[in-house]
N, C-alpha and C. Protein backbone atom coordinates (compact mmCIF):
# COMPACT_ATOMS: atom_id res chain seq x y z
N MET A 1 72.83 83.93 91.55
CA MET A 1 74.32 84.89 92.15
C MET A 1 75.13 83.53 91.86
N ILE A 2 76.86 84.01 90.29
CA ILE A 2 76.86 82.39 90.85
C ILE A 2 78.81 84.09 91.06
N LEU A 3 79.56 83.16 91.76
CA LEU A 3 80.52 82.89 92.06
C LEU A 3 81.31 82.38 92.69
N VAL A 4 82.81 82.32 92.14
CA VAL A 4 83.79 82.07 91.07
C VAL A 4 85.11 83.35 92.06
N ASN A 5 86.50 82.63 91.72
CA ASN A 5 87.38 82.47 91.58
C ASN A 5 88.32 83.06 90.27
N THR A 6 87.84 82.38 89.96
CA THR A 6 88.67 81.90 88.31
C THR A 6 88.31 83.82 87.74
N ASP A 7 88.89 84.42 86.74
CA ASP A 7 88.00 85.06 85.97
C ASP A 7 87.88 84.69 84.66
N PHE A 8 86.77 82.76 84.41
CA PHE A 8 85.45 83.01 83.80
C PHE A 8 84.53 81.91 84.14
N ILE A 9 83.36 81.73 83.24
CA ILE A 9 82.84 80.93 84.42
C ILE A 9 82.55 79.81 83.00
N SER A 10 82.50 77.96 82.84
CA SER A 10 82.08 78.14 81.39
C SER A 10 81.01 77.87 80.82
N GLY A 11 80.99 77.69 79.56
CA GLY A 11 79.84 77.77 78.46
C GLY A 11 79.63 79.75 78.43
N LYS A 12 79.51 80.33 79.16
CA LYS A 12 79.04 81.94 79.66
C LYS A 12 80.14 82.77 78.72
N GLU A 13 79.89 83.84 77.51
CA GLU A 13 79.85 84.82 77.34
C GLU A 13 79.99 85.74 78.60
N LEU A 14 80.79 86.44 79.07
CA LEU A 14 80.84 88.29 80.47
C LEU A 14 81.08 88.80 80.04
N GLU A 15 80.37 89.69 80.30
CA GLU A 15 80.45 91.32 79.86
C GLU A 15 80.84 91.56 81.42
N THR A 16 81.34 92.37 81.61
CA THR A 16 82.81 92.81 82.52
C THR A 16 81.79 94.34 82.84
N ILE A 17 81.12 94.82 84.06
CA ILE A 17 80.43 95.32 85.35
C ILE A 17 81.45 96.57 85.40
N GLY A 18 82.04 95.72 86.47
CA GLY A 18 83.19 96.30 87.85
C GLY A 18 83.05 96.12 88.62
N ILE A 19 84.53 96.38 89.40
CA ILE A 19 85.47 95.49 90.42
C ILE A 19 83.58 96.34 91.85
N VAL A 20 83.97 95.30 92.30
CA VAL A 20 82.29 95.32 93.40
C VAL A 20 83.25 95.28 94.64
N LYS A 21 81.85 95.02 96.02
CA LYS A 21 83.37 94.45 97.41
C LYS A 21 81.94 94.46 98.16
N GLY A 22 82.85 93.67 99.59
CA GLY A 22 82.62 93.67 100.95
C GLY A 22 83.74 94.14 101.25
N THR A 23 82.99 94.60 102.58
CA THR A 23 84.01 94.56 104.26
C THR A 23 83.80 94.55 105.46
N THR A 24 83.98 93.68 106.10
CA THR A 24 84.11 94.59 107.85
C THR A 24 84.50 94.53 108.73
N ILE A 25 84.48 95.16 109.78
CA ILE A 25 85.64 93.94 111.04
C ILE A 25 84.84 94.01 112.00
N GLN A 26 84.79 93.45 112.42
CA GLN A 26 85.12 92.29 113.40
C GLN A 26 85.62 91.82 114.99
N ALA A 27 85.10 92.42 115.81
CA ALA A 27 86.34 92.12 117.29
C ALA A 27 85.35 90.87 118.34
N LYS A 28 85.87 90.21 118.92
CA LYS A 28 85.63 89.54 119.60
C LYS A 28 85.51 90.28 121.20
N HIS A 29 84.90 89.30 122.42
CA HIS A 29 84.42 90.15 123.52
C HIS A 29 85.56 89.28 123.96
N LEU A 30 85.99 90.96 125.08
CA LEU A 30 87.27 91.31 125.89
C LEU A 30 87.23 89.52 126.96
N GLY A 31 86.71 87.71 127.38
CA GLY A 31 86.51 87.74 127.95
C GLY A 31 87.15 86.82 126.58
N ASN A 32 86.74 85.78 125.55
CA ASN A 32 86.89 85.49 124.18
C ASN A 32 88.19 85.63 124.03
N ASP A 33 89.33 87.04 124.50
CA ASP A 33 90.59 86.89 123.94
C ASP A 33 91.26 86.60 124.81
N ILE A 34 90.83 87.32 126.04
CA ILE A 34 91.55 86.45 127.22
C ILE A 34 92.03 86.12 126.97
N LEU A 35 91.09 84.36 127.13
CA LEU A 35 90.94 82.90 127.18
C LEU A 35 91.97 82.39 125.81
N SER A 36 90.91 82.86 124.53
CA SER A 36 92.15 82.89 123.19
C SER A 36 93.37 82.88 123.78
N GLY A 37 94.30 84.32 124.39
CA GLY A 37 95.08 84.51 124.95
C GLY A 37 95.85 82.92 125.74
N ILE A 38 95.05 82.43 126.45
CA ILE A 38 95.92 80.87 127.56
C ILE A 38 95.72 80.59 126.53
N LYS A 39 94.79 80.00 125.27
CA LYS A 39 95.64 78.65 124.82
C LYS A 39 96.19 78.89 123.88
N MET A 40 96.81 79.99 123.06
CA MET A 40 97.58 80.21 122.35
C MET A 40 99.39 79.93 123.50
N MET A 41 99.28 79.47 124.60
CA MET A 41 100.11 79.16 125.07
C MET A 41 100.30 78.28 125.37
N PHE A 42 99.53 77.17 125.46
CA PHE A 42 99.30 75.61 124.63
C PHE A 42 99.65 75.41 122.74
N GLY A 43 99.13 75.53 122.62
CA GLY A 43 98.81 75.79 120.97
C GLY A 43 96.85 75.00 121.26
N GLY A 44 97.53 74.80 119.67
CA GLY A 44 95.49 74.27 118.85
C GLY A 44 94.64 75.79 118.24
N GLU A 45 93.50 75.00 117.67
CA GLU A 45 92.09 75.70 117.30
C GLU A 45 92.46 77.19 118.40
N LEU A 46 91.65 79.03 117.72
CA LEU A 46 91.79 80.01 118.15
C LEU A 46 90.53 79.92 118.07
N LYS A 47 89.99 78.42 118.92
CA LYS A 47 88.48 78.46 118.10
C LYS A 47 87.17 80.38 117.69
N ALA A 48 86.88 81.25 119.24
CA ALA A 48 86.07 82.18 119.23
C ALA A 48 86.83 82.79 117.23
N TYR A 49 88.09 82.82 117.90
CA TYR A 49 88.77 83.37 115.98
C TYR A 49 88.06 82.95 115.15
N SER A 50 88.56 81.16 114.82
CA SER A 50 88.16 81.19 113.01
C SER A 50 86.51 82.05 113.19
N ASP A 51 85.26 80.50 114.34
CA ASP A 51 83.90 80.79 114.29
C ASP A 51 84.15 83.07 113.61
N MET A 52 84.84 83.69 114.46
CA MET A 52 84.63 85.60 113.70
C MET A 52 85.40 86.06 112.70
N LEU A 53 85.91 85.35 111.98
CA LEU A 53 86.55 85.40 111.01
C LEU A 53 85.84 84.24 109.50
N HIS A 54 85.52 83.34 109.59
CA HIS A 54 84.21 82.32 109.77
C HIS A 54 82.55 84.24 109.02
N ASN A 55 82.03 84.28 111.08
CA ASN A 55 81.90 85.05 110.36
C ASN A 55 81.46 86.52 109.38
N ALA A 56 82.65 87.28 109.80
CA ALA A 56 83.42 87.38 108.24
C ALA A 56 83.31 88.43 106.90
N ARG A 57 83.42 86.76 106.72
CA ARG A 57 84.19 86.33 105.89
C ARG A 57 82.43 85.90 104.90
N ALA A 58 81.47 86.00 105.91
CA ALA A 58 80.44 85.62 104.71
C ALA A 58 79.23 86.75 104.87
N LEU A 59 79.90 87.76 105.74
CA LEU A 59 79.31 88.94 105.68
C LEU A 59 80.08 90.36 104.39
N ALA A 60 81.19 90.19 104.66
CA ALA A 60 81.80 90.93 103.80
C ALA A 60 81.23 90.29 102.53
N THR A 61 80.54 88.93 102.01
CA THR A 61 80.65 88.12 100.69
C THR A 61 79.59 88.04 100.86
N LYS A 62 78.23 89.09 102.07
CA LYS A 62 77.36 89.13 101.26
C LYS A 62 76.87 90.68 100.97
N ARG A 63 77.61 92.06 101.72
CA ARG A 63 78.09 92.56 101.13
C ARG A 63 77.99 93.30 99.76
N MET A 64 78.87 92.71 99.19
CA MET A 64 79.60 92.71 98.04
C MET A 64 78.57 92.23 97.13
N VAL A 65 77.65 90.79 97.02
CA VAL A 65 77.00 89.96 96.57
C VAL A 65 75.32 91.55 96.13
N GLN A 66 75.29 91.74 97.50
CA GLN A 66 74.10 93.22 96.61
C GLN A 66 74.97 93.83 96.19
N GLU A 67 75.85 94.92 96.33
CA GLU A 67 76.26 95.32 94.89
C GLU A 67 77.31 95.07 94.10
N ALA A 68 76.95 93.43 94.21
CA ALA A 68 77.11 93.49 92.40
C ALA A 68 75.33 93.00 92.11
N GLU A 69 74.67 92.44 93.09
CA GLU A 69 73.03 92.48 92.10
C GLU A 69 73.09 94.42 92.34
N LYS A 70 72.87 95.14 92.93
CA LYS A 70 72.44 96.81 92.60
C LYS A 70 73.00 96.95 91.12
N LEU A 71 74.29 96.28 90.41
CA LEU A 71 74.29 96.95 89.36
C LEU A 71 73.89 95.48 88.23
N GLY A 72 73.29 95.15 88.72
CA GLY A 72 72.04 93.73 87.88
C GLY A 72 73.12 92.94 87.08
N ALA A 73 74.47 92.30 88.41
CA ALA A 73 75.23 91.68 87.56
C ALA A 73 74.69 90.83 87.58
N ASP A 74 75.15 88.74 87.26
CA ASP A 74 74.69 87.11 86.72
C ASP A 74 75.32 87.48 87.52
N ALA A 75 76.78 87.73 88.05
CA ALA A 75 78.23 86.59 88.97
C ALA A 75 78.44 87.91 89.26
N VAL A 76 79.56 87.39 90.54
CA VAL A 76 80.49 88.08 90.17
C VAL A 76 82.16 86.84 90.31
N VAL A 77 83.05 87.06 89.49
CA VAL A 77 84.38 86.60 89.14
C VAL A 77 85.89 86.89 89.69
N ASN A 78 86.65 86.05 89.45
CA ASN A 78 87.73 86.80 89.77
C ASN A 78 87.94 86.54 91.62
N ILE A 79 87.39 86.73 93.04
CA ILE A 79 86.28 87.10 94.22
C ILE A 79 87.89 86.87 94.84
N ARG A 80 88.63 87.46 95.60
CA ARG A 80 90.15 87.17 96.33
C ARG A 80 89.49 87.98 97.31
N TYR A 81 90.00 87.52 98.68
CA TYR A 81 90.18 88.17 100.18
C TYR A 81 91.13 88.18 100.31
N ALA A 82 90.82 89.73 101.54
CA ALA A 82 92.45 89.73 102.27
C ALA A 82 91.36 90.10 103.39
N SER A 83 92.07 90.16 104.91
CA SER A 83 91.76 90.33 106.10
C SER A 83 93.22 91.01 106.93
N GLY A 84 93.21 91.22 108.05
CA GLY A 84 94.06 91.77 108.45
C GLY A 84 93.82 93.40 109.75
N ASN A 85 94.60 92.79 110.69
CA ASN A 85 95.17 93.92 112.48
C ASN A 85 94.32 94.91 111.84
N VAL A 86 93.73 95.82 112.80
CA VAL A 86 92.58 96.81 113.31
C VAL A 86 92.80 97.33 113.98
N ALA A 87 92.60 96.33 115.78
CA ALA A 87 93.71 96.57 116.93
C ALA A 87 93.01 94.77 117.23
N MET A 88 94.50 94.71 118.18
CA MET A 88 94.15 93.78 119.48
C MET A 88 92.37 93.23 119.54
N GLY A 89 92.59 92.20 118.96
CA GLY A 89 91.47 91.00 119.13
C GLY A 89 90.29 91.35 117.69
N ALA A 90 90.14 92.71 116.74
CA ALA A 90 89.92 92.88 115.62
C ALA A 90 90.82 92.48 114.66
N ALA A 91 89.66 92.48 113.29
CA ALA A 91 90.35 92.30 111.92
C ALA A 91 89.22 92.22 110.58
N GLU A 92 89.54 93.15 110.50
CA GLU A 92 88.80 93.78 108.86
C GLU A 92 88.97 92.36 107.88
N VAL A 93 87.69 92.15 107.55
CA VAL A 93 87.90 91.51 106.20
C VAL A 93 87.66 92.09 105.35
N MET A 94 88.11 92.28 103.44
CA MET A 94 87.44 92.69 102.12
C MET A 94 88.00 91.44 101.64
N VAL A 95 85.89 91.11 100.83
CA VAL A 95 86.29 90.78 100.26
C VAL A 95 86.26 91.31 97.88
N TYR A 96 86.97 91.08 97.41
CA TYR A 96 85.89 91.97 96.18
C TYR A 96 86.29 91.10 95.38
N GLY A 97 86.05 91.22 93.78
CA GLY A 97 85.49 90.51 92.34
C GLY A 97 85.51 91.90 91.30
N THR A 98 84.62 90.63 89.69
CA THR A 98 84.27 92.03 88.94
C THR A 98 83.04 91.65 88.85
N ALA A 99 82.65 92.34 88.61
CA ALA A 99 81.33 91.81 88.30
C ALA A 99 80.58 92.41 87.41
N VAL A 100 79.90 90.32 86.29
CA VAL A 100 80.28 90.71 85.16
C VAL A 100 78.40 90.26 84.47
N LYS A 101 77.79 90.86 83.13
CA LYS A 101 76.77 90.83 83.66
C LYS A 101 76.88 89.00 81.38
N PHE A 102 75.72 88.03 82.53
CA PHE A 102 76.43 87.29 80.45
C PHE A 102 76.21 87.18 80.20
N ARG A 103 76.25 87.50 78.62
CA ARG A 103 76.08 88.13 77.36
C ARG A 103 75.23 86.75 76.71
N GLN A 104 74.09 87.00 76.13
CA GLN A 104 73.14 85.75 75.59
C GLN A 104 73.78 85.92 73.77
């Protein structure tokens, strides 16, 4: 499966199948949340949250790819990510794009 954030793939003629998406909501352990709150007072990277968002993006992407595969897609183009807070210490990550087949 080819994944790109452009609306084309060089050398390929594409046939649009439709929009596909993947989403997840992830939260950190309360202990990590408290430690991150202390870290915010002094500055620097909040590693627990960076890791959480990295894992959430990977899971959302995997779910989008699974949806595209069910539709028989060869690739997903024009991929975009969005995220937002749903509760203190919890974030939603969504990825979406256009599933396409290669024309022969």
